[in-house]
Amino acid sequence: MQIEYVVPCHFGLEAVLKREIQDLGYDIAQVEDGRVSFYGDELALCRANLFLRSAERVLLKVGEFEARTFEELFQRTKQISWERYIPKNGKFWVTKAASVKSKLFSPSDIQSIMKKAMVERMKEHYHQKWFPEEGAEYPVRVFIKKDVVTVGIDTTGESLHKRGYRPQSGKAPISETLAAALVLLTPWRRDRILVDPFCGSGTFVIEAAMMAADMAPGMNREFTAENWDNLIPRKTWYEAVTEAQDRIRNNITTDIQGYDIDENVIRIARKNAVQAGVDHLIHFQRRPVKELRHPRPYGFIITNPPYGERLEEKEALPEIYRDFGDSFRGLKDWSAYMITSYEDAEKWFGRKADKNRKIYNGMIKTYFYQFMGPKPPRKKGKDE
């Protein structure tokens, strides 16, 4: 049976997520700002949660309709066949409502009216007046855009950026899903050098190492839909997990390095890499950016340098970015990719980016600056 899934992601990175979904073998239904929809079967729900690196969560789409009044919202929500998804002991609520350019805009009112409509529908179907809500959880998420209401049940639970390897973070951490999406935006592949000179808690290099080893990002965590025995047979989850385990390639060699000026942060990054199961693929070292060197050409830098959100840190930024630019110029034929909100980044780095892309890191507007080096020459008899 073909089911439609809605997958939210960071604004500006929809193309990355679309490619990931297609690589899993599924057909795209729609690409919109901040989300991609696709068609798949029950196994697709499990595989999407386990394998997608740039997704925030996976929603099982249960309805889409227009509503300009709360009465319309109530009646159209009540028309959804909730009993197909939620058993009589299921715990159900509208966990989040978001509205853009629509007549209905109060999240709390949308949530309470939709919950009432769900209860009324289920009362009629199950012939009972009260629901204990002591069973598995079925959290509902709602987007309203230009009066079109999209309703989905959240299969994920805690956001997919919670990979389970980063209990501790350094200062200003970048989310795991954003880091993965930015690595996927670059041409980096596992046979190429990768260095993060401001590695912090290690997120970029850990995500890259997991890609290199084809390690599913959702391997070490749980999902809400694992308890949906009425919808997803347990063996379907086993099938997806077995595929994930079979794909891991632990015996590869990589040149992935994480540096930071702070010894304590490096210690945290090492622990996180152990937790993720990729510590054997990454070399961590305390090293300031001005000492960044590498003997081989055609490497990649992917990094999240300091932004200077606090005033006293801002004063140190020109020197940090100047040192970074000087080191980069000493690396023969390398490429550099950095995400930062610092508006003078290019000025002090000493070079205008070949490309840049606006991306929101949480509520902070940042730019992903791309300084492209040349491609390495093709190896004779082999693909590049």
Protein backbone atom coordinates (compact mmCIF):
# COMPACT_ATOMS: atom_id res chain seq x y z
CA MET A 1 0.00 0.00 0.00
CA GLN A 2 1.34 3.45 -0.96
CA ILE A 3 1.35 5.93 1.92
CA GLU A 4 2.30 9.61 1.69
CA TYR A 5 4.94 10.83 4.14
CA VAL A 6 5.82 14.47 4.89
CA VAL A 7 9.41 15.13 5.94
CA PRO A 8 10.38 18.55 7.38
CA CYS A 9 13.96 19.82 6.98
CA HIS A 10 16.00 23.04 7.35
CA PHE A 11 14.84 25.87 5.06
CA GLY A 12 17.08 26.04 2.01
CA LEU A 13 18.14 22.38 2.14
CA GLU A 14 15.09 20.76 0.51
CA ALA A 15 17.13 19.66 -2.55
CA VAL A 16 19.51 17.69 -0.30
CA LEU A 17 16.63 15.87 1.39
CA LYS A 18 14.90 15.23 -1.95
CA ARG A 19 18.05 13.53 -3.27
CA GLU A 20 18.38 11.44 -0.11
CA ILE A 21 14.78 10.20 -0.41
CA GLN A 22 15.28 9.36 -4.09
CA ASP A 23 18.50 7.50 -3.22
CA LEU A 24 16.42 5.34 -0.84
CA GLY A 25 14.28 4.46 -3.87
CA TYR A 26 11.10 6.45 -3.22
CA ASP A 27 9.04 8.75 -5.47
CA ILE A 28 8.75 12.41 -4.51
CA ALA A 29 5.21 13.75 -4.12
CA GLN A 30 6.03 17.44 -3.53
CA VAL A 31 8.85 19.80 -2.54
CA GLU A 32 7.87 22.89 -0.52
CA ASP A 33 9.70 25.38 1.71
CA GLY A 34 11.09 23.41 4.62
CA ARG A 35 9.61 20.03 3.69
CA VAL A 36 9.57 17.22 1.14
CA SER A 37 6.72 14.68 0.69
CA PHE A 38 7.18 11.20 -0.77
CA TYR A 39 5.29 7.95 -1.37
CA GLY A 40 6.28 4.65 0.20
CA ASP A 41 5.06 1.54 2.00
CA GLU A 42 5.23 0.63 5.72
CA LEU A 43 8.92 -0.26 5.41
CA ALA A 44 9.56 3.25 4.03
CA LEU A 45 8.50 4.70 7.40
CA CYS A 46 11.18 2.65 9.19
CA ARG A 47 13.90 3.22 6.56
CA ALA A 48 13.26 6.98 6.37
CA ASN A 49 13.67 7.34 10.14
CA LEU A 50 16.80 5.20 10.18
CA PHE A 51 18.60 6.42 7.04
CA LEU A 52 17.70 10.05 6.29
CA ARG A 53 20.51 12.35 7.43
CA SER A 54 19.06 15.80 6.65
CA ALA A 55 15.45 15.18 7.79
CA GLU A 56 14.06 16.59 11.04
CA ARG A 57 11.28 14.01 11.42
CA VAL A 58 8.96 11.77 9.36
CA LEU A 59 5.20 12.38 9.41
CA LEU A 60 2.55 9.94 8.21
CA LYS A 61 0.17 12.18 6.24
CA VAL A 62 -3.46 11.55 7.19
CA GLY A 63 -5.26 14.50 5.61
CA GLU A 64 -5.15 17.75 3.66
CA PHE A 65 -8.02 20.21 3.30
CA GLU A 66 -8.93 23.91 3.20
CA ALA A 67 -10.23 25.64 6.33
CA ARG A 68 -10.84 29.35 6.90
CA THR A 69 -13.00 29.08 10.03
CA PHE A 70 -12.71 27.03 13.21
CA GLU A 71 -16.01 25.31 12.33
CA GLU A 72 -14.52 24.18 8.98
CA LEU A 73 -11.37 23.02 10.79
CA PHE A 74 -13.48 21.00 13.25
CA GLN A 75 -15.68 19.36 10.61
CA ARG A 76 -12.85 18.54 8.17
CA THR A 77 -10.66 17.14 10.97
CA LYS A 78 -13.60 14.97 12.08
CA GLN A 79 -13.88 13.57 8.53
CA ILE A 80 -10.38 12.04 8.77
CA SER A 81 -10.52 8.28 9.46
CA TRP A 82 -8.62 8.52 12.75
CA GLU A 83 -9.68 4.98 13.70
CA ARG A 84 -7.47 3.64 10.86
CA TYR A 85 -4.43 4.94 12.71
CA ILE A 86 -5.21 5.28 16.42
CA PRO A 87 -6.41 2.31 18.53
CA LYS A 88 -8.99 2.86 21.27
CA ASN A 89 -6.32 2.98 24.01
CA GLY A 90 -3.92 5.20 21.98
CA LYS A 91 -2.62 8.46 23.42
CA PHE A 92 -3.33 11.23 20.90
CA TRP A 93 -2.93 15.00 20.91
CA VAL A 94 -1.95 17.85 18.58
CA THR A 95 1.66 18.42 19.63
CA LYS A 96 2.37 21.30 17.24
CA ALA A 97 0.41 23.64 14.98
CA ALA A 98 2.10 26.12 12.64
CA SER A 99 0.28 28.68 10.48
CA VAL A 100 1.54 30.90 7.64
CA LYS A 101 -0.55 33.43 5.66
CA SER A 102 -3.81 31.86 6.86
CA LYS A 103 -7.07 33.00 8.48
CA LEU A 104 -6.55 30.54 11.35
CA PHE A 105 -3.38 31.46 13.18
CA SER A 106 -3.71 30.76 16.93
CA PRO A 107 -1.75 27.52 17.59
CA SER A 108 -3.46 26.78 20.92
CA ASP A 109 -6.97 27.19 19.43
CA ILE A 110 -6.08 25.04 16.40
CA GLN A 111 -4.70 22.35 18.74
CA SER A 112 -7.71 22.22 21.07
CA ILE A 113 -10.34 22.29 18.27
CA MET A 114 -8.61 19.51 16.34
CA LYS A 115 -8.28 17.36 19.47
CA LYS A 116 -12.04 17.77 20.13
CA ALA A 117 -12.81 16.77 16.52
CA MET A 118 -10.58 13.67 16.81
CA VAL A 119 -12.34 12.64 20.04
CA GLU A 120 -15.79 13.09 18.45
CA ARG A 121 -14.81 10.96 15.45
CA MET A 122 -13.40 8.20 17.64
CA LYS A 123 -16.43 8.26 20.00
CA GLU A 124 -18.66 7.51 17.01
CA HIS A 125 -16.41 4.78 15.67
CA TYR A 126 -15.45 2.99 18.91
CA HIS A 127 -18.85 3.55 20.60
CA GLN A 128 -17.33 4.81 23.81
CA LYS A 129 -17.57 8.17 25.55
CA TRP A 130 -14.15 8.27 27.16
CA PHE A 131 -10.64 7.26 26.06
CA PRO A 132 -8.05 6.12 28.63
CA GLU A 133 -5.08 7.18 26.40
CA GLU A 134 -2.76 4.75 28.19
CA GLY A 135 -1.33 2.99 25.12
CA ALA A 136 1.16 3.95 22.40
CA GLU A 137 1.59 7.63 21.50
CA TYR A 138 0.22 9.16 18.28
CA PRO A 139 1.33 12.83 18.31
CA VAL A 140 -0.28 14.91 15.54
CA ARG A 141 1.43 17.81 13.75
CA VAL A 142 -0.39 20.39 11.65
CA PHE A 143 0.83 22.97 9.08
CA ILE A 144 -1.57 25.58 7.71
CA LYS A 145 -0.35 27.51 4.69
CA LYS A 146 -2.63 29.86 2.72
CA ASP A 147 -5.62 28.20 4.45
CA VAL A 148 -4.58 24.68 3.34
CA VAL A 149 -4.29 22.39 6.36
CA THR A 150 -1.84 19.46 6.20
CA VAL A 151 -2.23 16.90 8.98
CA GLY A 152 0.35 14.25 9.87
CA ILE A 153 1.07 11.83 12.70
CA ASP A 154 4.66 12.07 13.93
CA THR A 155 6.41 8.71 13.53
CA THR A 156 9.74 9.95 14.93
CA GLY A 157 9.33 11.41 18.43
CA GLU A 158 12.40 13.37 19.46
CA SER A 159 13.76 15.19 16.39
CA LEU A 160 16.04 13.16 14.12
CA HIS A 161 18.97 15.44 14.97
CA LYS A 162 19.06 13.58 18.31
CA ARG A 163 21.31 10.82 17.00
CA GLY A 164 22.24 9.68 20.49
CA TYR A 165 25.98 10.34 20.22
CA ARG A 166 26.14 13.91 21.49
CA PRO A 167 25.09 14.14 25.15
CA GLN A 168 27.63 16.95 25.56
CA SER A 169 28.20 19.82 23.17
CA GLY A 170 30.80 22.52 22.90
CA LYS A 171 29.84 26.17 22.51
CA ALA A 172 27.33 27.09 19.77
CA PRO A 173 26.81 23.54 18.47
CA ILE A 174 25.47 22.98 14.98
CA SER A 175 22.66 20.43 14.80
CA GLU A 176 23.50 16.98 13.48
CA THR A 177 20.91 17.18 10.67
CA LEU A 178 22.19 20.58 9.50
CA ALA A 179 25.82 19.41 9.63
CA ALA A 180 24.95 16.30 7.61
CA ALA A 181 23.01 18.33 5.03
CA LEU A 182 25.92 20.75 4.58
CA VAL A 183 28.40 17.89 4.07
CA LEU A 184 25.98 16.40 1.50
CA LEU A 185 25.90 19.79 -0.29
CA THR A 186 29.63 19.53 -1.00
CA PRO A 187 31.34 17.17 -3.48
CA TRP A 188 33.28 15.49 -0.60
CA ARG A 189 33.50 11.70 -0.79
CA ARG A 190 35.08 9.22 1.62
CA ASP A 191 38.29 8.84 -0.39
CA ARG A 192 39.02 12.59 -0.05
CA ILE A 193 40.63 14.44 2.89
CA LEU A 194 38.28 16.30 5.24
CA VAL A 195 39.35 18.70 7.99
CA ASP A 196 37.27 20.78 10.40
CA PRO A 197 39.64 23.29 12.07
CA PHE A 198 36.92 24.54 14.47
CA CYS A 199 35.46 21.12 15.21
CA GLY A 200 33.85 21.89 18.60
CA SER A 201 31.93 18.81 19.71
CA GLY A 202 32.89 17.08 16.44
CA THR A 203 29.55 17.16 14.64
CA PHE A 204 30.80 17.74 11.06
CA VAL A 205 33.55 15.12 11.20
CA ILE A 206 31.36 12.56 13.01
CA GLU A 207 28.55 12.97 10.46
CA ALA A 208 31.08 12.67 7.61
CA ALA A 209 32.62 9.54 9.17
CA MET A 210 29.16 7.98 9.50
CA MET A 211 28.57 8.69 5.81
CA ALA A 212 31.96 7.21 4.91
CA ALA A 213 31.10 4.00 6.80
CA ASP A 214 27.50 4.02 5.44
CA MET A 215 26.27 4.02 9.02
CA ALA A 216 22.57 4.87 9.39
CA PRO A 217 22.19 7.98 11.58
CA GLY A 218 19.15 6.54 13.39
CA MET A 219 20.85 3.31 14.50
CA ASN A 220 21.31 4.25 18.17
CA ARG A 221 17.91 5.67 19.03
CA GLU A 222 14.22 4.85 19.32
CA PHE A 223 11.21 6.11 17.37
CA THR A 224 7.59 6.73 18.40
CA ALA A 225 6.24 4.46 15.64
CA GLU A 226 8.14 1.44 17.00
CA ASN A 227 5.19 1.03 19.39
CA TRP A 228 2.52 1.22 16.68
CA ASP A 229 1.76 -2.52 16.60
CA ASN A 230 -1.57 -1.78 14.91
CA LEU A 231 0.18 -0.18 11.90
CA ILE A 232 3.78 -1.39 11.63
CA PRO A 233 4.58 -5.06 12.28
CA ARG A 234 7.65 -5.55 14.49
CA LYS A 235 9.34 -7.57 11.71
CA THR A 236 9.24 -4.49 9.45
CA TRP A 237 11.45 -2.65 11.95
CA TYR A 238 13.76 -5.70 12.17
CA GLU A 239 14.04 -5.70 8.37
CA ALA A 240 15.09 -2.03 8.29
CA VAL A 241 17.58 -2.42 11.17
CA THR A 242 19.10 -5.54 9.57
CA GLU A 243 19.61 -3.59 6.32
CA ALA A 244 21.28 -0.78 8.30
CA GLN A 245 23.62 -3.24 10.06
CA ASP A 246 24.50 -5.00 6.80
CA ARG A 247 25.44 -1.72 5.13
CA ILE A 248 28.03 -0.63 7.73
CA ARG A 249 31.61 -0.66 6.37
CA ASN A 250 33.86 -0.40 9.40
CA ASN A 251 37.06 -1.54 7.71
CA ILE A 252 37.47 1.48 5.41
CA THR A 253 40.39 3.91 5.63
CA THR A 254 39.68 7.64 5.83
CA ASP A 255 41.53 10.91 6.30
CA ILE A 256 39.07 12.85 8.48
CA GLN A 257 40.49 15.28 11.03
CA GLY A 258 38.98 17.51 13.70
CA TYR A 259 40.96 20.35 15.30
CA ASP A 260 40.09 22.90 17.94
CA ILE A 261 42.08 25.32 20.08
CA ASP A 262 40.28 24.12 23.24
CA GLU A 263 41.60 20.85 24.74
CA ASN A 264 38.38 20.29 26.73
CA VAL A 265 36.27 20.53 23.60
CA ILE A 266 38.52 18.01 21.83
CA ARG A 267 37.99 15.62 24.76
CA ILE A 268 34.20 15.95 24.35
CA ALA A 269 34.49 15.43 20.55
CA ARG A 270 36.47 12.22 21.09
CA LYS A 271 33.81 10.91 23.51
CA ASN A 272 31.07 11.74 21.01
CA ALA A 273 32.94 9.92 18.22
CA VAL A 274 33.27 6.83 20.46
CA GLN A 275 29.54 7.03 21.21
CA ALA A 276 28.79 7.22 17.47
CA GLY A 277 31.07 4.24 16.76
CA VAL A 278 33.37 6.17 14.39
CA ASP A 279 36.32 7.12 16.63
CA HIS A 280 38.61 4.82 14.57
CA LEU A 281 37.86 6.90 11.45
CA ILE A 282 38.68 10.37 12.86
CA HIS A 283 41.89 11.97 14.11
CA PHE A 284 41.26 14.69 16.73
CA GLN A 285 43.94 17.11 17.87
CA ARG A 286 44.25 20.37 19.79
CA ARG A 287 45.50 22.81 17.18
CA PRO A 288 44.84 26.52 16.49
CA VAL A 289 43.63 27.40 13.00
CA LYS A 290 46.84 29.27 12.14
CA GLU A 291 48.69 25.94 12.39
CA LEU A 292 46.38 24.23 9.91
CA ARG A 293 48.52 22.35 7.37
CA HIS A 294 48.31 19.17 5.27
CA PRO A 295 50.86 17.73 2.81
CA ARG A 296 48.35 16.39 0.29
CA PRO A 297 46.34 18.42 -2.27
CA TYR A 298 42.61 18.42 -3.09
CA GLY A 299 41.34 18.30 0.49
CA PHE A 300 38.14 19.74 1.93
CA ILE A 301 37.51 22.01 4.89
CA ILE A 302 33.92 21.97 6.18
CA THR A 303 33.50 24.05 9.31
CA ASN A 304 31.40 26.20 11.62
CA PRO A 305 33.80 28.94 12.85
CA PRO A 306 32.93 31.21 15.81
CA TYR A 307 30.11 33.69 15.08
CA GLY A 308 30.83 36.10 17.93
CA GLU A 309 27.28 36.17 19.27
CA ARG A 310 28.62 37.81 22.44
CA LEU A 311 30.26 41.24 22.19
CA GLU A 312 33.61 40.29 23.77
CA GLU A 313 33.96 37.36 21.34
CA LYS A 314 33.19 39.60 18.35
CA GLU A 315 36.41 41.55 18.87
CA ALA A 316 38.48 38.39 18.34
CA LEU A 317 36.77 37.47 15.05
CA PRO A 318 38.89 39.46 12.52
CA GLU A 319 42.06 37.71 13.70
CA ILE A 320 40.43 34.24 13.72
CA TYR A 321 39.10 34.61 10.15
CA ARG A 322 42.35 36.18 8.93
CA ASP A 323 44.35 33.24 10.37
CA PHE A 324 41.87 30.84 8.77
CA GLY A 325 42.24 32.53 5.35
CA ASP A 326 46.06 32.55 5.61
CA SER A 327 46.11 28.82 6.43
CA PHE A 328 43.71 28.03 3.61
CA ARG A 329 45.90 29.82 1.08
CA GLY A 330 48.78 27.55 2.13
CA LEU A 331 46.77 24.40 1.26
CA LYS A 332 47.35 23.51 -2.38
CA ASP A 333 44.18 23.04 -4.45
CA TRP A 334 41.86 22.68 -1.44
CA SER A 335 38.18 23.67 -1.13
CA ALA A 336 36.66 25.32 1.94
CA TYR A 337 33.03 25.46 3.08
CA MET A 338 32.02 27.45 6.15
CA ILE A 339 28.74 28.31 7.78
CA THR A 340 28.74 31.55 9.79
CA SER A 341 26.56 34.52 10.68
CA TYR A 342 29.60 36.82 10.82
CA GLU A 343 28.94 39.47 8.16
CA ASP A 344 32.65 40.30 7.62
CA ALA A 345 33.68 36.66 7.13
CA GLU A 346 34.78 37.06 3.48
CA LYS A 347 36.57 40.36 4.17
CA TRP A 348 38.86 38.89 6.86
CA PHE A 349 39.15 35.48 5.19
CA GLY A 350 40.64 37.42 2.28
CA ARG A 351 38.63 35.95 -0.57
CA LYS A 352 35.13 36.29 -1.98
CA ALA A 353 33.18 33.04 -1.92
CA ASP A 354 32.48 31.33 -5.26
CA LYS A 355 28.97 30.64 -3.95
CA ASN A 356 27.04 31.35 -0.83
CA ARG A 357 23.68 30.15 0.41
CA LYS A 358 21.44 31.63 3.10
CA ILE A 359 20.52 29.05 5.77
CA TYR A 360 18.82 29.41 9.14
CA ASN A 361 20.70 27.71 11.98
CA GLY A 362 17.92 27.72 14.56
CA MET A 363 16.80 31.35 14.59
CA ILE A 364 20.21 32.67 13.46
CA LYS A 365 20.50 33.74 9.81
CA THR A 366 23.76 32.28 8.53
CA TYR A 367 25.54 31.94 5.20
CA PHE A 368 27.21 28.82 3.84
CA TYR A 369 30.27 30.20 2.04
CA GLN A 370 31.80 27.94 -0.62
CA PHE A 371 35.39 28.46 -1.79
CA MET A 372 35.97 25.94 -4.55
CA GLY A 373 39.30 24.37 -5.38
CA PRO A 374 40.01 22.47 -8.62
CA LYS A 375 38.90 18.88 -9.10
CA PRO A 376 41.65 16.27 -8.80
CA PRO A 377 42.80 14.73 -12.10
CA ARG A 378 40.99 11.55 -13.10
CA LYS A 379 42.73 8.34 -12.15
CA LYS A 380 43.58 6.30 -15.22
CA GLY A 381 41.22 3.40 -15.75
CA LYS A 382 38.98 4.46 -12.87
CA ASP A 383 36.09 6.79 -12.39
CA GLU A 384 36.94 9.95 -10.50
